[in-house]
Amino acid sequence: MARFYADENFPFPVVVELRSLGHDVTTAAEAGNAGQAIPDEAVLGFATTEKRILLTLNRKHFIRLHAGAPNHAGILVCTFDPNFAAQAYRIHEAVRAVADPPGQLIRVNRPPA
């Protein structure tokens, strides 16, 4: 299963669901990185150093970071979905579909209503 780093604003219920699917997920709070206004570049750097795919809802900034510096462990950008279990499952399936996540930008969007 995948190794993830959930940034500070990523919904914790999705983290719980991903863990139940067998993924290794560390949150910014668990890593001692919450509440510090850490710049996005440093958030991505931490995930890269830890060899973890970054999980974020902050699509705009991290898509731009990916374009400028694609040497990372992977970035998975999501749209917010209040159905946390469904979102976790879509993330699970998206990562399974990517053969080699390092350097990849993976998008997971909420399905249309």
Protein backbone atom coordinates (compact mmCIF):
# COMPACT_ATOMS: atom_id res chain seq x y z
CA MET A 1 0.00 0.00 0.00
CA ALA A 2 0.99 3.63 -0.37
CA ARG A 3 2.75 5.92 2.08
CA PHE A 4 1.02 9.31 2.40
CA TYR A 5 1.62 12.62 4.13
CA ALA A 6 -1.64 14.51 4.71
CA ASP A 7 -1.12 18.25 4.86
CA GLU A 8 -2.60 20.35 7.62
CA ASN A 9 -5.94 20.99 5.92
CA PHE A 10 -6.59 17.47 4.69
CA PRO A 11 -9.71 15.94 6.32
CA PHE A 12 -8.76 13.56 9.13
CA PRO A 13 -11.76 11.27 8.52
CA VAL A 14 -10.30 10.51 5.06
CA VAL A 15 -6.97 9.67 6.73
CA VAL A 16 -8.80 7.21 9.03
CA GLU A 17 -10.51 5.58 6.04
CA LEU A 18 -7.23 5.33 4.11
CA ARG A 19 -5.63 3.63 7.08
CA SER A 20 -8.49 1.14 7.19
CA LEU A 21 -7.72 0.36 3.53
CA GLY A 22 -4.15 -0.52 4.55
CA HIS A 23 -2.30 2.69 3.69
CA ASP A 24 0.43 4.22 5.85
CA VAL A 25 -0.70 7.82 6.45
CA THR A 26 1.07 10.43 8.55
CA THR A 27 -0.60 13.78 9.17
CA ALA A 28 1.01 17.18 9.57
CA ALA A 29 -0.18 17.20 13.20
CA GLU A 30 1.36 13.80 13.91
CA ALA A 31 4.64 14.95 12.36
CA GLY A 32 4.67 18.07 14.55
CA ASN A 33 4.16 20.36 11.55
CA ALA A 34 0.70 21.77 12.27
CA GLY A 35 -0.11 25.35 13.22
CA GLN A 36 3.20 26.73 12.01
CA ALA A 37 2.23 28.32 8.67
CA ILE A 38 4.83 26.19 6.92
CA PRO A 39 5.23 27.25 3.26
CA ASP A 40 3.89 24.83 0.65
CA GLU A 41 7.40 24.25 -0.71
CA ALA A 42 8.53 23.05 2.71
CA VAL A 43 5.42 20.86 3.11
CA LEU A 44 6.26 19.17 -0.19
CA GLY A 45 9.92 18.95 0.81
CA PHE A 46 9.00 17.17 4.03
CA ALA A 47 6.80 14.68 2.18
CA THR A 48 9.57 14.09 -0.35
CA THR A 49 12.20 13.54 2.34
CA GLU A 50 9.89 11.05 4.05
CA LYS A 51 9.19 9.35 0.68
CA ARG A 52 5.46 9.94 1.09
CA ILE A 53 2.85 10.99 -1.45
CA LEU A 54 1.47 14.37 -0.40
CA LEU A 55 -2.31 14.46 0.14
CA THR A 56 -3.84 17.92 -0.24
CA LEU A 57 -6.97 19.85 -1.06
CA ASN A 58 -4.76 22.81 -1.98
CA ARG A 59 -4.83 21.97 -5.66
CA LYS A 60 -3.82 25.32 -7.17
CA HIS A 61 -0.58 25.74 -5.24
CA PHE A 62 0.60 22.14 -5.41
CA ILE A 63 -0.16 21.76 -9.12
CA ARG A 64 2.04 24.81 -9.64
CA LEU A 65 4.77 23.32 -7.41
CA HIS A 66 4.62 20.07 -9.36
CA ALA A 67 5.07 21.95 -12.64
CA GLY A 68 8.14 23.74 -11.29
CA ALA A 69 9.73 20.91 -9.34
CA PRO A 70 8.55 17.45 -10.37
CA ASN A 71 11.18 15.63 -8.28
CA HIS A 72 8.95 14.56 -5.40
CA ALA A 73 7.45 11.35 -4.02
CA GLY A 74 4.08 12.15 -5.61
CA ILE A 75 1.34 14.71 -5.12
CA LEU A 76 -2.30 13.72 -4.87
CA VAL A 77 -4.66 16.69 -5.15
CA CYS A 78 -8.34 16.32 -4.28
CA THR A 79 -11.55 18.25 -4.36
CA PHE A 80 -13.41 18.29 -1.04
CA ASP A 81 -16.00 15.57 -0.62
CA PRO A 82 -18.06 15.26 2.58
CA ASN A 83 -18.40 11.54 1.87
CA PHE A 84 -15.05 10.72 3.43
CA ALA A 85 -15.23 6.97 2.89
CA ALA A 86 -15.95 7.43 -0.83
CA GLN A 87 -13.14 9.94 -1.14
CA ALA A 88 -10.70 7.56 0.54
CA TYR A 89 -11.74 4.77 -1.80
CA ARG A 90 -11.23 7.01 -4.88
CA ILE A 91 -7.76 7.91 -3.57
CA HIS A 92 -7.03 4.22 -2.98
CA GLU A 93 -8.07 3.34 -6.54
CA ALA A 94 -6.20 6.28 -8.09
CA VAL A 95 -2.94 5.32 -6.41
CA ARG A 96 -3.38 1.66 -7.37
CA ALA A 97 -3.72 2.78 -11.01
CA VAL A 98 -0.36 4.62 -10.96
CA ALA A 99 2.56 2.25 -11.50
CA ASP A 100 5.26 4.65 -10.25
CA PRO A 101 3.96 7.54 -8.05
CA PRO A 102 7.25 9.46 -7.56
CA GLY A 103 7.15 12.58 -9.71
CA GLN A 104 3.47 12.07 -10.55
CA LEU A 105 0.61 14.50 -10.04
CA ILE A 106 -2.53 12.48 -9.29
CA ARG A 107 -5.93 14.16 -9.36
CA VAL A 108 -8.95 12.84 -7.50
CA ASN A 109 -12.16 14.79 -8.01
CA ARG A 110 -15.53 14.46 -6.35
CA PRO A 111 -17.99 12.94 -8.81
CA PRO A 112 -20.75 15.20 -10.14
CA ALA A 113 -23.91 15.28 -8.05
